[in-house]
Structures are given as C-alpha cells and as structure tokens.
Amino acid sequence: AVVSTQSTGVTDLPDYIAFKPCPSIPLADIFVAADDHTINLLKDMFRFDPSKRCNCTEALNSAYFFSDPPPTHPEELPVVRDWGKEQSPEGLASAGVKRPFGRITPIDPSISKKLIF
C-alpha cells in the first residue's frame, strides 16, 4: 500500500520535501515467523496516519494478547535475587546468563540477524 500524506497535513509543513511514492514491504515478509495476530497488531500500530493508528486500549484488546501461547505467570518469570555477587560475570555465568543485563556488546556485522517469535 502506498502511504498518502495529504490527509495528515504533512505537505503544509515549511520544510516538507516530497519523495517518490513507493510500495510498502508487507510486514509478513519481514517478520516471517510472526502469526496473523502479530502482523495485524503491528499494522494497526504502524499506520502512518495518526487518526487511523490504534490507541493503547485498542492495542491491548487486540487478539494478539488473547491468543496462545498464554502469558507467563509473574511467579514463573526469572528474578535476580541478589544484586551483589550475582551481577558479577562469574555469578551471571553460574546462573546461566550469557551476558549481563543492561550491557550492550558489539555485534559482528557479518552475522545475520534472525527474529524468533
């Protein structure tokens, strides 16, 4: 689908630059492992025209949040119990954590990235 800027008032902005229209890439072609509920939610959230974009309530009521697999119960989520020793590289390694939370490691640009849903 080609996005129209006429209904949004963007063309009236002083620094507006017109680009050649181009068709969008279907989200299902980008997120190949995503199911229909995921694709529909992304489409609703990524709409260019804000008046047609879903709001928070509509997003939270989408089928994505009510389909399988169900959410994990909070008591079953992993928890860091001791922020002292467990945050050391040795403590994290013994807990099975591959890299510390909050630290960004450089990614080799030659490695392909794959999204797993």
PDB file of N, CA and C in Angstrom:
ATOM      1  N   ALA A   1       0.845  -1.181   0.000  1.00  0.00           N
ATOM      2  CA  ALA A   1       0.000   0.000   0.000  1.00  0.00           C
ATOM      3  C   ALA A   1       0.886   1.239   0.000  1.00  0.00           C
ATOM      4  N   VAL A   2       0.504   2.214  -0.757  1.00  0.00           N
ATOM      5  CA  VAL A   2       1.236   3.475  -0.813  1.00  0.00           C
ATOM      6  C   VAL A   2       0.635   4.408   0.228  1.00  0.00           C
ATOM      7  N   VAL A   3       1.487   5.031   1.032  1.00  0.00           N
ATOM      8  CA  VAL A   3       1.036   5.921   2.103  1.00  0.00           C
ATOM      9  C   VAL A   3       0.768   7.305   1.538  1.00  0.00           C
ATOM     10  N   SER A   4      -0.372   7.878   1.903  1.00  0.00           N
ATOM     11  CA  SER A   4      -0.727   9.220   1.459  1.00  0.00           C
ATOM     12  C   SER A   4      -0.437  10.221   2.565  1.00  0.00           C
ATOM     13  N   THR A   5       0.196  11.345   2.213  1.00  0.00           N
ATOM     14  CA  THR A   5       0.488  12.386   3.200  1.00  0.00           C
ATOM     15  C   THR A   5      -0.534  13.508   3.149  1.00  0.00           C
ATOM     16  N   GLN A   6      -1.466  13.476   2.190  1.00  0.00           N
ATOM     17  CA  GLN A   6      -2.408  14.580   2.024  1.00  0.00           C
ATOM     18  C   GLN A   6      -3.336  14.730   3.224  1.00  0.00           C
ATOM     19  N   SER A   7      -3.805  13.617   3.794  1.00  0.00           N
ATOM     20  CA  SER A   7      -4.778  13.704   4.879  1.00  0.00           C
ATOM     21  C   SER A   7      -4.132  14.084   6.207  1.00  0.00           C
ATOM     22  N   THR A   8      -2.815  14.042   6.304  1.00  0.00           N
ATOM     23  CA  THR A   8      -2.159  14.303   7.585  1.00  0.00           C
ATOM     24  C   THR A   8      -1.690  15.740   7.755  1.00  0.00           C
ATOM     25  N   GLY A   9      -1.704  16.539   6.713  1.00  0.00           N
ATOM     26  CA  GLY A   9      -1.246  17.914   6.814  1.00  0.00           C
ATOM     27  C   GLY A   9       0.265  18.044   6.726  1.00  0.00           C
ATOM     28  N   VAL A  10       0.960  16.959   6.466  1.00  0.00           N
ATOM     29  CA  VAL A  10       2.421  16.984   6.392  1.00  0.00           C
ATOM     30  C   VAL A  10       2.888  17.873   5.247  1.00  0.00           C
ATOM     31  N   THR A  11       2.139  17.872   4.155  1.00  0.00           N
ATOM     32  CA  THR A  11       2.562  18.657   2.989  1.00  0.00           C
ATOM     33  C   THR A  11       2.524  20.158   3.256  1.00  0.00           C
ATOM     34  N   ASP A  12       1.834  20.581   4.323  1.00  0.00           N
ATOM     35  CA  ASP A  12       1.750  22.008   4.650  1.00  0.00           C
ATOM     36  C   ASP A  12       2.929  22.483   5.504  1.00  0.00           C
ATOM     37  N   LEU A  13       3.746  21.592   5.985  1.00  0.00           N
ATOM     38  CA  LEU A  13       4.879  21.976   6.832  1.00  0.00           C
ATOM     39  C   LEU A  13       5.919  22.738   6.017  1.00  0.00           C
ATOM     40  N   PRO A  14       6.616  23.703   6.628  1.00  0.00           N
ATOM     41  CA  PRO A  14       7.538  24.559   5.870  1.00  0.00           C
ATOM     42  C   PRO A  14       8.728  23.811   5.263  1.00  0.00           C
ATOM     43  N   ASP A  15       9.227  22.778   5.898  1.00  0.00           N
ATOM     44  CA  ASP A  15      10.392  22.060   5.383  1.00  0.00           C
ATOM     45  C   ASP A  15      10.022  20.755   4.691  1.00  0.00           C
ATOM     46  N   TYR A  16       8.775  20.611   4.265  1.00  0.00           N
ATOM     47  CA  TYR A  16       8.307  19.380   3.631  1.00  0.00           C
ATOM     48  C   TYR A  16       9.050  19.138   2.319  1.00  0.00           C
ATOM     49  N   ILE A  17       9.497  17.924   2.129  1.00  0.00           N
ATOM     50  CA  ILE A  17      10.149  17.505   0.889  1.00  0.00           C
ATOM     51  C   ILE A  17       9.371  16.309   0.351  1.00  0.00           C
ATOM     52  N   ALA A  18       8.951  16.375  -0.875  1.00  0.00           N
ATOM     53  CA  ALA A  18       8.192  15.284  -1.483  1.00  0.00           C
ATOM     54  C   ALA A  18       9.143  14.196  -1.976  1.00  0.00           C
ATOM     55  N   PHE A  19       8.819  12.957  -1.645  1.00  0.00           N
ATOM     56  CA  PHE A  19       9.572  11.813  -2.121  1.00  0.00           C
ATOM     57  C   PHE A  19       8.723  11.036  -3.113  1.00  0.00           C
ATOM     58  N   LYS A  20       9.395  10.308  -3.970  1.00  0.00           N
ATOM     59  CA  LYS A  20       8.695   9.475  -4.935  1.00  0.00           C
ATOM     60  C   LYS A  20       7.961   8.358  -4.175  1.00  0.00           C
ATOM     61  N   PRO A  21       6.659   8.177  -4.416  1.00  0.00           N
ATOM     62  CA  PRO A  21       5.922   7.115  -3.729  1.00  0.00           C
ATOM     63  C   PRO A  21       6.497   5.739  -4.058  1.00  0.00           C
ATOM     64  N   CYS A  22       6.541   4.904  -3.053  1.00  0.00           N
ATOM     65  CA  CYS A  22       6.988   3.532  -3.286  1.00  0.00           C
ATOM     66  C   CYS A  22       6.110   2.591  -2.457  1.00  0.00           C
ATOM     67  N   PRO A  23       5.867   1.396  -2.963  1.00  0.00           N
ATOM     68  CA  PRO A  23       5.021   0.457  -2.228  1.00  0.00           C
ATOM     69  C   PRO A  23       5.727  -0.039  -0.967  1.00  0.00           C
ATOM     70  N   SER A  24       4.931  -0.319   0.045  1.00  0.00           N
ATOM     71  CA  SER A  24       5.499  -0.814   1.294  1.00  0.00           C
ATOM     72  C   SER A  24       5.811  -2.301   1.184  1.00  0.00           C
ATOM     73  N   ILE A  25       6.703  -2.754   2.019  1.00  0.00           N
ATOM     74  CA  ILE A  25       7.025  -4.175   2.091  1.00  0.00           C
ATOM     75  C   ILE A  25       6.045  -4.796   3.078  1.00  0.00           C
ATOM     76  N   PRO A  26       5.349  -5.866   2.705  1.00  0.00           N
ATOM     77  CA  PRO A  26       4.415  -6.495   3.638  1.00  0.00           C
ATOM     78  C   PRO A  26       5.131  -6.944   4.919  1.00  0.00           C
ATOM     79  N   LEU A  27       4.524  -6.631   6.074  1.00  0.00           N
ATOM     80  CA  LEU A  27       5.131  -6.999   7.348  1.00  0.00           C
ATOM     81  C   LEU A  27       5.345  -8.508   7.462  1.00  0.00           C
ATOM     82  N   ALA A  28       4.473  -9.295   6.846  1.00  0.00           N
ATOM     83  CA  ALA A  28       4.621 -10.752   6.883  1.00  0.00           C
ATOM     84  C   ALA A  28       5.896 -11.195   6.169  1.00  0.00           C
ATOM     85  N   ASP A  29       6.384 -10.387   5.223  1.00  0.00           N
ATOM     86  CA  ASP A  29       7.645 -10.716   4.543  1.00  0.00           C
ATOM     87  C   ASP A  29       8.855 -10.355   5.403  1.00  0.00           C
ATOM     88  N   ILE A  30       8.682  -9.421   6.330  1.00  0.00           N
ATOM     89  CA  ILE A  30       9.769  -9.013   7.222  1.00  0.00           C
ATOM     90  C   ILE A  30       9.808  -9.914   8.452  1.00  0.00           C
ATOM     91  N   PHE A  31       8.643 -10.113   9.060  1.00  0.00           N
ATOM     92  CA  PHE A  31       8.526 -10.937  10.261  1.00  0.00           C
ATOM     93  C   PHE A  31       7.950 -12.297   9.860  1.00  0.00           C
ATOM     94  N   VAL A  32       8.775 -13.110   9.253  1.00  0.00           N
ATOM     95  CA  VAL A  32       8.302 -14.355   8.659  1.00  0.00           C
ATOM     96  C   VAL A  32       7.818 -15.373   9.686  1.00  0.00           C
ATOM     97  N   ALA A  33       8.269 -15.275  10.928  1.00  0.00           N
ATOM     98  CA  ALA A  33       7.843 -16.230  11.954  1.00  0.00           C
ATOM     99  C   ALA A  33       6.621 -15.743  12.728  1.00  0.00           C
ATOM    100  N   ALA A  34       6.137 -14.546  12.439  1.00  0.00           N
ATOM    101  CA  ALA A  34       5.012 -13.976  13.180  1.00  0.00           C
ATOM    102  C   ALA A  34       3.689 -14.533  12.672  1.00  0.00           C
ATOM    103  N   ASP A  35       2.743 -14.737  13.603  1.00  0.00           N
ATOM    104  CA  ASP A  35       1.421 -15.216  13.204  1.00  0.00           C
ATOM    105  C   ASP A  35       0.546 -14.038  12.769  1.00  0.00           C
ATOM    106  N   ASP A  36      -0.686 -14.334  12.336  1.00  0.00           N
ATOM    107  CA  ASP A  36      -1.580 -13.295  11.831  1.00  0.00           C
ATOM    108  C   ASP A  36      -1.929 -12.254  12.891  1.00  0.00           C
ATOM    109  N   HIS A  37      -2.093 -12.687  14.156  1.00  0.00           N
ATOM    110  CA  HIS A  37      -2.420 -11.740  15.222  1.00  0.00           C
ATOM    111  C   HIS A  37      -1.294 -10.727  15.414  1.00  0.00           C
ATOM    112  N   THR A  38      -0.064 -11.188  15.339  1.00  0.00           N
ATOM    113  CA  THR A  38       1.094 -10.299  15.490  1.00  0.00           C
ATOM    114  C   THR A  38       1.156  -9.304  14.340  1.00  0.00           C
ATOM    115  N   ILE A  39       0.998  -9.797  13.124  1.00  0.00           N
ATOM    116  CA  ILE A  39       1.052  -8.930  11.933  1.00  0.00           C
ATOM    117  C   ILE A  39      -0.052  -7.884  11.983  1.00  0.00           C
ATOM    118  N   ASN A  40      -1.268  -8.290  12.372  1.00  0.00           N
ATOM    119  CA  ASN A  40      -2.378  -7.332  12.441  1.00  0.00           C
ATOM    120  C   ASN A  40      -2.131  -6.258  13.490  1.00  0.00           C
ATOM    121  N   LEU A  41      -1.591  -6.630  14.644  1.00  0.00           N
ATOM    122  CA  LEU A  41      -1.282  -5.640  15.676  1.00  0.00           C
ATOM    123  C   LEU A  41      -0.208  -4.670  15.189  1.00  0.00           C
ATOM    124  N   LEU A  42       0.839  -5.189  14.564  1.00  0.00           N
ATOM    125  CA  LEU A  42       1.889  -4.314  14.033  1.00  0.00           C
ATOM    126  C   LEU A  42       1.335  -3.358  12.988  1.00  0.00           C
ATOM    127  N   LYS A  43       0.493  -3.857  12.086  1.00  0.00           N
ATOM    128  CA  LYS A  43      -0.115  -2.993  11.069  1.00  0.00           C
ATOM    129  C   LYS A  43      -0.908  -1.867  11.721  1.00  0.00           C
ATOM    130  N   ASP A  44      -1.700  -2.225  12.755  1.00  0.00           N
ATOM    131  CA  ASP A  44      -2.514  -1.215  13.434  1.00  0.00           C
ATOM    132  C   ASP A  44      -1.651  -0.177  14.143  1.00  0.00           C
ATOM    133  N   MET A  45      -0.526  -0.589  14.709  1.00  0.00           N
ATOM    134  CA  MET A  45       0.338   0.345  15.437  1.00  0.00           C
ATOM    135  C   MET A  45       1.218   1.171  14.512  1.00  0.00           C
ATOM    136  N   PHE A  46       1.545   0.653  13.323  1.00  0.00           N
ATOM    137  CA  PHE A  46       2.462   1.337  12.414  1.00  0.00           C
ATOM    138  C   PHE A  46       1.763   2.182  11.350  1.00  0.00           C
ATOM    139  N   ARG A  47       0.453   2.360  11.441  1.00  0.00           N
ATOM    140  CA  ARG A  47      -0.239   3.174  10.434  1.00  0.00           C
ATOM    141  C   ARG A  47       0.363   4.579  10.413  1.00  0.00           C
ATOM    142  N   PHE A  48       0.593   5.095   9.217  1.00  0.00           N
ATOM    143  CA  PHE A  48       1.213   6.406   9.064  1.00  0.00           C
ATOM    144  C   PHE A  48       0.305   7.514   9.572  1.00  0.00           C
ATOM    145  N   ASP A  49      -0.976   7.442   9.241  1.00  0.00           N
ATOM    146  CA  ASP A  49      -1.939   8.469   9.639  1.00  0.00           C
ATOM    147  C   ASP A  49      -2.320   8.251  11.102  1.00  0.00           C
ATOM    148  N   PRO A  50      -1.985   9.187  12.002  1.00  0.00           N
ATOM    149  CA  PRO A  50      -2.278   9.012  13.429  1.00  0.00           C
ATOM    150  C   PRO A  50      -3.766   8.816  13.726  1.00  0.00           C
ATOM    151  N   SER A  51      -4.643   9.396  12.921  1.00  0.00           N
ATOM    152  CA  SER A  51      -6.077   9.252  13.170  1.00  0.00           C
ATOM    153  C   SER A  51      -6.568   7.834  12.871  1.00  0.00           C
ATOM    154  N   LYS A  52      -5.795   7.074  12.085  1.00  0.00           N
ATOM    155  CA  LYS A  52      -6.157   5.685  11.763  1.00  0.00           C
ATOM    156  C   LYS A  52      -5.362   4.674  12.589  1.00  0.00           C
ATOM    157  N   ARG A  53      -4.330   5.161  13.304  1.00  0.00           N
ATOM    158  CA  ARG A  53      -3.490   4.302  14.137  1.00  0.00           C
ATOM    159  C   ARG A  53      -4.267   3.869  15.371  1.00  0.00           C
ATOM    160  N   CYS A  54      -4.040   2.652  15.847  1.00  0.00           N
ATOM    161  CA  CYS A  54      -4.741   2.192  17.047  1.00  0.00           C
ATOM    162  C   CYS A  54      -4.206   2.915  18.284  1.00  0.00           C
ATOM    163  N   ASN A  55      -5.082   3.082  19.271  1.00  0.00           N
ATOM    164  CA  ASN A  55      -4.640   3.680  20.528  1.00  0.00           C
ATOM    165  C   ASN A  55      -4.227   2.552  21.478  1.00  0.00           C
ATOM    166  N   CYS A  56      -3.797   2.905  22.674  1.00  0.00           N
ATOM    167  CA  CYS A  56      -3.302   1.900  23.632  1.00  0.00           C
ATOM    168  C   CYS A  56      -4.372   0.888  24.001  1.00  0.00           C
ATOM    169  N   THR A  57      -5.588   1.352  24.237  1.00  0.00           N
ATOM    170  CA  THR A  57      -6.672   0.448  24.629  1.00  0.00           C
ATOM    171  C   THR A  57      -6.980  -0.537  23.507  1.00  0.00           C
ATOM    172  N   GLU A  58      -7.042  -0.038  22.273  1.00  0.00           N
ATOM    173  CA  GLU A  58      -7.303  -0.918  21.130  1.00  0.00           C
ATOM    174  C   GLU A  58      -6.175  -1.931  20.961  1.00  0.00           C
ATOM    175  N   ALA A  59      -4.945  -1.487  21.151  1.00  0.00           N
ATOM    176  CA  ALA A  59      -3.808  -2.400  21.022  1.00  0.00           C
ATOM    177  C   ALA A  59      -3.861  -3.489  22.085  1.00  0.00           C
ATOM    178  N   LEU A  60      -4.148  -3.114  23.336  1.00  0.00           N
ATOM    179  CA  LEU A  60      -4.197  -4.103  24.412  1.00  0.00           C
ATOM    180  C   LEU A  60      -5.390  -5.045  24.292  1.00  0.00           C
ATOM    181  N   ASN A  61      -6.409  -4.645  23.560  1.00  0.00           N
ATOM    182  CA  ASN A  61      -7.569  -5.509  23.345  1.00  0.00           C
ATOM    183  C   ASN A  61      -7.471  -6.325  22.064  1.00  0.00           C
ATOM    184  N   SER A  62      -6.340  -6.244  21.371  1.00  0.00           N
ATOM    185  CA  SER A  62      -6.193  -6.993  20.120  1.00  0.00           C
ATOM    186  C   SER A  62      -6.074  -8.490  20.394  1.00  0.00           C
ATOM    187  N   ALA A  63      -6.357  -9.278  19.388  1.00  0.00           N
ATOM    188  CA  ALA A  63      -6.320 -10.742  19.507  1.00  0.00           C
ATOM    189  C   ALA A  63      -4.925 -11.247  19.871  1.00  0.00           C
ATOM    190  N   TYR A  64      -3.891 -10.460  19.577  1.00  0.00           N
ATOM    191  CA  TYR A  64      -2.519 -10.867  19.890  1.00  0.00           C
ATOM    192  C   TYR A  64      -2.367 -11.219  21.368  1.00  0.00           C
ATOM    193  N   PHE A  65      -2.983 -10.428  22.244  1.00  0.00           N
ATOM    194  CA  PHE A  65      -2.824 -10.625  23.684  1.00  0.00           C
ATOM    195  C   PHE A  65      -3.744 -11.705  24.250  1.00  0.00           C
ATOM    196  N   PHE A  66      -4.623 -12.255  23.425  1.00  0.00           N
ATOM    197  CA  PHE A  66      -5.555 -13.271  23.899  1.00  0.00           C
ATOM    198  C   PHE A  66      -5.386 -14.605  23.186  1.00  0.00           C
ATOM    199  N   SER A  67      -4.312 -14.750  22.422  1.00  0.00           N
ATOM    200  CA  SER A  67      -4.075 -15.997  21.694  1.00  0.00           C
ATOM    201  C   SER A  67      -2.932 -16.778  22.350  1.00  0.00           C
ATOM    202  N   ASP A  68      -2.810 -18.040  21.972  1.00  0.00           N
ATOM    203  CA  ASP A  68      -1.740 -18.890  22.503  1.00  0.00           C
ATOM    204  C   ASP A  68      -0.406 -18.489  21.899  1.00  0.00           C
ATOM    205  N   PRO A  69       0.678 -18.593  22.602  1.00  0.00           N
ATOM    206  CA  PRO A  69       0.790 -19.104  23.957  1.00  0.00           C
ATOM    207  C   PRO A  69       0.343 -18.045  24.961  1.00  0.00           C
ATOM    208  N   PRO A  70      -0.243 -18.488  26.078  1.00  0.00           N
ATOM    209  CA  PRO A  70      -0.690 -17.517  27.084  1.00  0.00           C
ATOM    210  C   PRO A  70       0.500 -16.855  27.769  1.00  0.00           C
ATOM    211  N   PRO A  71       0.273 -15.703  28.400  1.00  0.00           N
ATOM    212  CA  PRO A  71       1.373 -15.037  29.100  1.00  0.00           C
ATOM    213  C   PRO A  71       1.891 -15.878  30.265  1.00  0.00           C
ATOM    214  N   THR A  72       3.132 -15.687  30.613  1.00  0.00           N
ATOM    215  CA  THR A  72       3.742 -16.398  31.736  1.00  0.00           C
ATOM    216  C   THR A  72       3.296 -15.750  33.043  1.00  0.00           C
ATOM    217  N   HIS A  73       2.937 -16.576  34.011  1.00  0.00           N
ATOM    218  CA  HIS A  73       2.537 -16.074  35.319  1.00  0.00           C
ATOM    219  C   HIS A  73       3.739 -15.371  35.949  1.00  0.00           C
ATOM    220  N   PRO A  74       3.541 -14.221  36.604  1.00  0.00           N
ATOM    221  CA  PRO A  74       4.669 -13.469  37.172  1.00  0.00           C
ATOM    222  C   PRO A  74       5.572 -14.297  38.082  1.00  0.00           C
ATOM    223  N   GLU A  75       5.008 -15.251  38.816  1.00  0.00           N
ATOM    224  CA  GLU A  75       5.826 -16.070  39.723  1.00  0.00           C
ATOM    225  C   GLU A  75       6.771 -17.000  38.964  1.00  0.00           C
ATOM    226  N   GLU A  76       6.491 -17.242  37.679  1.00  0.00           N
ATOM    227  CA  GLU A  76       7.331 -18.133  36.880  1.00  0.00           C
ATOM    228  C   GLU A  76       8.412 -17.394  36.100  1.00  0.00           C
ATOM    229  N   LEU A  77       8.401 -16.065  36.154  1.00  0.00           N
ATOM    230  CA  LEU A  77       9.415 -15.280  35.445  1.00  0.00           C
ATOM    231  C   LEU A  77      10.735 -15.312  36.211  1.00  0.00           C
ATOM    232  N   PRO A  78      11.870 -15.274  35.503  1.00  0.00           N
ATOM    233  CA  PRO A  78      13.162 -15.276  36.197  1.00  0.00           C
ATOM    234  C   PRO A  78      13.365 -13.992  36.994  1.00  0.00           C
ATOM    235  N   VAL A  79      13.943 -14.129  38.176  1.00  0.00           N
ATOM    236  CA  VAL A  79      14.170 -12.994  39.063  1.00  0.00           C
ATOM    237  C   VAL A  79      15.612 -13.045  39.558  1.00  0.00           C
ATOM    238  N   VAL A  80      16.270 -11.885  39.553  1.00  0.00           N
ATOM    239  CA  VAL A  80      17.599 -11.787  40.138  1.00  0.00           C
ATOM    240  C   VAL A  80      17.396 -11.496  41.611  1.00  0.00           C
ATOM    241  N   ARG A  81      17.803 -12.419  42.477  1.00  0.00           N
ATOM    242  CA  ARG A  81      17.541 -12.302  43.912  1.00  0.00           C
ATOM    243  C   ARG A  81      18.575 -11.426  44.628  1.00  0.00           C
ATOM    244  N   ASP A  82      19.832 -11.525  44.259  1.00  0.00           N
ATOM    245  CA  ASP A  82      20.896 -10.788  44.938  1.00  0.00           C
ATOM    246  C   ASP A  82      21.615  -9.950  43.892  1.00  0.00           C
ATOM    247  N   TRP A  83      21.515  -8.630  44.037  1.00  0.00           N
ATOM    248  CA  TRP A  83      22.126  -7.745  43.048  1.00  0.00           C
ATOM    249  C   TRP A  83      23.625  -7.581  43.263  1.00  0.00           C
ATOM    250  N   GLY A  84      24.181  -8.246  44.238  1.00  0.00           N
ATOM    251  CA  GLY A  84      25.607  -8.129  44.508  1.00  0.00           C
ATOM    252  C   GLY A  84      26.406  -9.127  43.695  1.00  0.00           C
ATOM    253  N   LYS A  85      26.659 -10.290  44.292  1.00  0.00           N
ATOM    254  CA  LYS A  85      27.525 -11.291  43.692  1.00  0.00           C
ATOM    255  C   LYS A  85      26.989 -11.814  42.356  1.00  0.00           C
ATOM    256  N   GLU A  86      25.650 -11.936  42.241  1.00  0.00           N
ATOM    257  CA  GLU A  86      25.083 -12.489  41.013  1.00  0.00           C
ATOM    258  C   GLU A  86      25.305 -11.581  39.810  1.00  0.00           C
ATOM    259  N   GLN A  87      25.587 -10.298  40.025  1.00  0.00           N
ATOM    260  CA  GLN A  87      25.807  -9.393  38.910  1.00  0.00           C
ATOM    261  C   GLN A  87      27.250  -9.432  38.413  1.00  0.00           C
ATOM    262  N   SER A  88      28.128 -10.133  39.120  1.00  0.00           N
ATOM    263  CA  SER A  88      29.496 -10.276  38.636  1.00  0.00           C
ATOM    264  C   SER A  88      29.473 -11.241  37.447  1.00  0.00           C
ATOM    265  N   PRO A  89      30.453 -11.149  36.538  1.00  0.00           N
ATOM    266  CA  PRO A  89      30.470 -12.069  35.404  1.00  0.00           C
ATOM    267  C   PRO A  89      30.442 -13.538  35.823  1.00  0.00           C
ATOM    268  N   GLU A  90      31.116 -13.861  36.914  1.00  0.00           N
ATOM    269  CA  GLU A  90      31.124 -15.253  37.373  1.00  0.00           C
ATOM    270  C   GLU A  90      29.746 -15.663  37.877  1.00  0.00           C
ATOM    271  N   GLY A  91      29.097 -14.766  38.640  1.00  0.00           N
ATOM    272  CA  GLY A  91      27.769 -15.062  39.171  1.00  0.00           C
ATOM    273  C   GLY A  91      26.735 -15.219  38.071  1.00  0.00           C
ATOM    274  N   LEU A  92      26.823 -14.362  37.060  1.00  0.00           N
ATOM    275  CA  LEU A  92      25.897 -14.459  35.945  1.00  0.00           C
ATOM    276  C   LEU A  92      26.122 -15.729  35.144  1.00  0.00           C
ATOM    277  N   ALA A  93      27.380 -16.077  34.930  1.00  0.00           N
ATOM    278  CA  ALA A  93      27.693 -17.290  34.186  1.00  0.00           C
ATOM    279  C   ALA A  93      27.183 -18.520  34.918  1.00  0.00           C
ATOM    280  N   SER A  94      27.331 -18.547  36.261  1.00  0.00           N
ATOM    281  CA  SER A  94      26.853 -19.701  37.018  1.00  0.00           C
ATOM    282  C   SER A  94      25.330 -19.776  37.020  1.00  0.00           C
ATOM    283  N   ALA A  95      24.665 -18.635  36.821  1.00  0.00           N
ATOM    284  CA  ALA A  95      23.206 -18.623  36.755  1.00  0.00           C
ATOM    285  C   ALA A  95      22.704 -18.915  35.352  1.00  0.00           C
ATOM    286  N   GLY A  96      23.618 -19.089  34.394  1.00  0.00           N
ATOM    287  CA  GLY A  96      23.226 -19.410  33.024  1.00  0.00           C
ATOM    288  C   GLY A  96      22.950 -18.208  32.151  1.00  0.00           C
ATOM    289  N   VAL A  97      23.285 -16.987  32.631  1.00  0.00           N
ATOM    290  CA  VAL A  97      23.070 -15.774  31.842  1.00  0.00           C
ATOM    291  C   VAL A  97      24.274 -15.590  30.930  1.00  0.00           C
ATOM    292  N   LYS A  98      24.007 -15.425  29.623  1.00  0.00           N
ATOM    293  CA  LYS A  98      25.098 -15.320  28.662  1.00  0.00           C
ATOM    294  C   LYS A  98      25.774 -13.953  28.680  1.00  0.00           C
ATOM    295  N   ARG A  99      25.013 -12.899  28.954  1.00  0.00           N
ATOM    296  CA  ARG A  99      25.614 -11.577  29.070  1.00  0.00           C
ATOM    297  C   ARG A  99      24.834 -10.773  30.090  1.00  0.00           C
ATOM    298  N   PRO A 100      25.477  -9.862  30.804  1.00  0.00           N
ATOM    299  CA  PRO A 100      24.803  -9.096  31.850  1.00  0.00           C
ATOM    300  C   PRO A 100      23.692  -8.218  31.284  1.00  0.00           C
ATOM    301  N   PHE A 101      22.631  -8.033  32.062  1.00  0.00           N
ATOM    302  CA  PHE A 101      21.546  -7.154  31.669  1.00  0.00           C
ATOM    303  C   PHE A 101      22.057  -5.728  31.610  1.00  0.00           C
ATOM    304  N   GLY A 102      21.573  -4.969  30.624  1.00  0.00           N
ATOM    305  CA  GLY A 102      21.915  -3.560  30.549  1.00  0.00           C
ATOM    306  C   GLY A 102      23.236  -3.278  29.859  1.00  0.00           C
ATOM    307  N   ARG A 103      24.008  -4.297  29.570  1.00  0.00           N
ATOM    308  CA  ARG A 103      25.277  -4.076  28.860  1.00  0.00           C
ATOM    309  C   ARG A 103      25.084  -4.432  27.397  1.00  0.00           C
ATOM    310  N   ILE A 104      25.598  -3.596  26.544  1.00  0.00           N
ATOM    311  CA  ILE A 104      25.486  -3.844  25.115  1.00  0.00           C
ATOM    312  C   ILE A 104      26.842  -4.322  24.618  1.00  0.00           C
ATOM    313  N   THR A 105      26.826  -5.451  23.969  1.00  0.00           N
ATOM    314  CA  THR A 105      28.064  -5.975  23.414  1.00  0.00           C
ATOM    315  C   THR A 105      28.072  -5.709  21.920  1.00  0.00           C
ATOM    316  N   PRO A 106      29.228  -5.434  21.342  1.00  0.00           N
ATOM    317  CA  PRO A 106      29.289  -5.194  19.903  1.00  0.00           C
ATOM    318  C   PRO A 106      28.846  -6.437  19.137  1.00  0.00           C
ATOM    319  N   ILE A 107      28.087  -6.199  18.083  1.00  0.00           N
ATOM    320  CA  ILE A 107      27.613  -7.296  17.250  1.00  0.00           C
ATOM    321  C   ILE A 107      28.432  -7.311  15.973  1.00  0.00           C
ATOM    322  N   ASP A 108      28.878  -8.489  15.607  1.00  0.00           N
ATOM    323  CA  ASP A 108      29.636  -8.663  14.377  1.00  0.00           C
ATOM    324  C   ASP A 108      28.704  -8.399  13.194  1.00  0.00           C
ATOM    325  N   PRO A 109      28.971  -7.370  12.356  1.00  0.00           N
ATOM    326  CA  PRO A 109      28.069  -7.061  11.255  1.00  0.00           C
ATOM    327  C   PRO A 109      27.975  -8.165  10.203  1.00  0.00           C
ATOM    328  N   SER A 110      28.903  -9.102  10.212  1.00  0.00           N
ATOM    329  CA  SER A 110      28.836 -10.178   9.237  1.00  0.00           C
ATOM    330  C   SER A 110      27.852 -11.267   9.649  1.00  0.00           C
ATOM    331  N   ILE A 111      27.364 -11.225  10.900  1.00  0.00           N
ATOM    332  CA  ILE A 111      26.425 -12.223  11.383  1.00  0.00           C
ATOM    333  C   ILE A 111      25.006 -11.790  11.025  1.00  0.00           C
ATOM    334  N   SER A 112      24.241 -12.689  10.419  1.00  0.00           N
ATOM    335  CA  SER A 112      22.854 -12.394  10.082  1.00  0.00           C
ATOM    336  C   SER A 112      22.029 -12.328  11.344  1.00  0.00           C
ATOM    337  N   LYS A 113      21.021 -11.472  11.321  1.00  0.00           N
ATOM    338  CA  LYS A 113      20.117 -11.350  12.460  1.00  0.00           C
ATOM    339  C   LYS A 113      18.820 -12.069  12.127  1.00  0.00           C
ATOM    340  N   LYS A 114      18.294 -12.825  13.056  1.00  0.00           N
ATOM    341  CA  LYS A 114      17.052 -13.549  12.839  1.00  0.00           C
ATOM    342  C   LYS A 114      16.131 -13.322  14.022  1.00  0.00           C
ATOM    343  N   LEU A 115      14.896 -12.946  13.742  1.00  0.00           N
ATOM    344  CA  LEU A 115      13.917 -12.752  14.801  1.00  0.00           C
ATOM    345  C   LEU A 115      13.199 -14.067  15.039  1.00  0.00           C
ATOM    346  N   ILE A 116      13.130 -14.475  16.285  1.00  0.00           N
ATOM    347  CA  ILE A 116      12.452 -15.713  16.640  1.00  0.00           C
ATOM    348  C   ILE A 116      11.269 -15.356  17.503  1.00  0.00           C
ATOM    349  N   PHE A 117      10.076 -15.752  17.076  1.00  0.00           N
ATOM    350  CA  PHE A 117       8.869 -15.446  17.834  1.00  0.00           C
ATOM    351  C   PHE A 117       8.372 -16.709  18.490  1.00  0.00           C
TER     352      PHE A 117
END
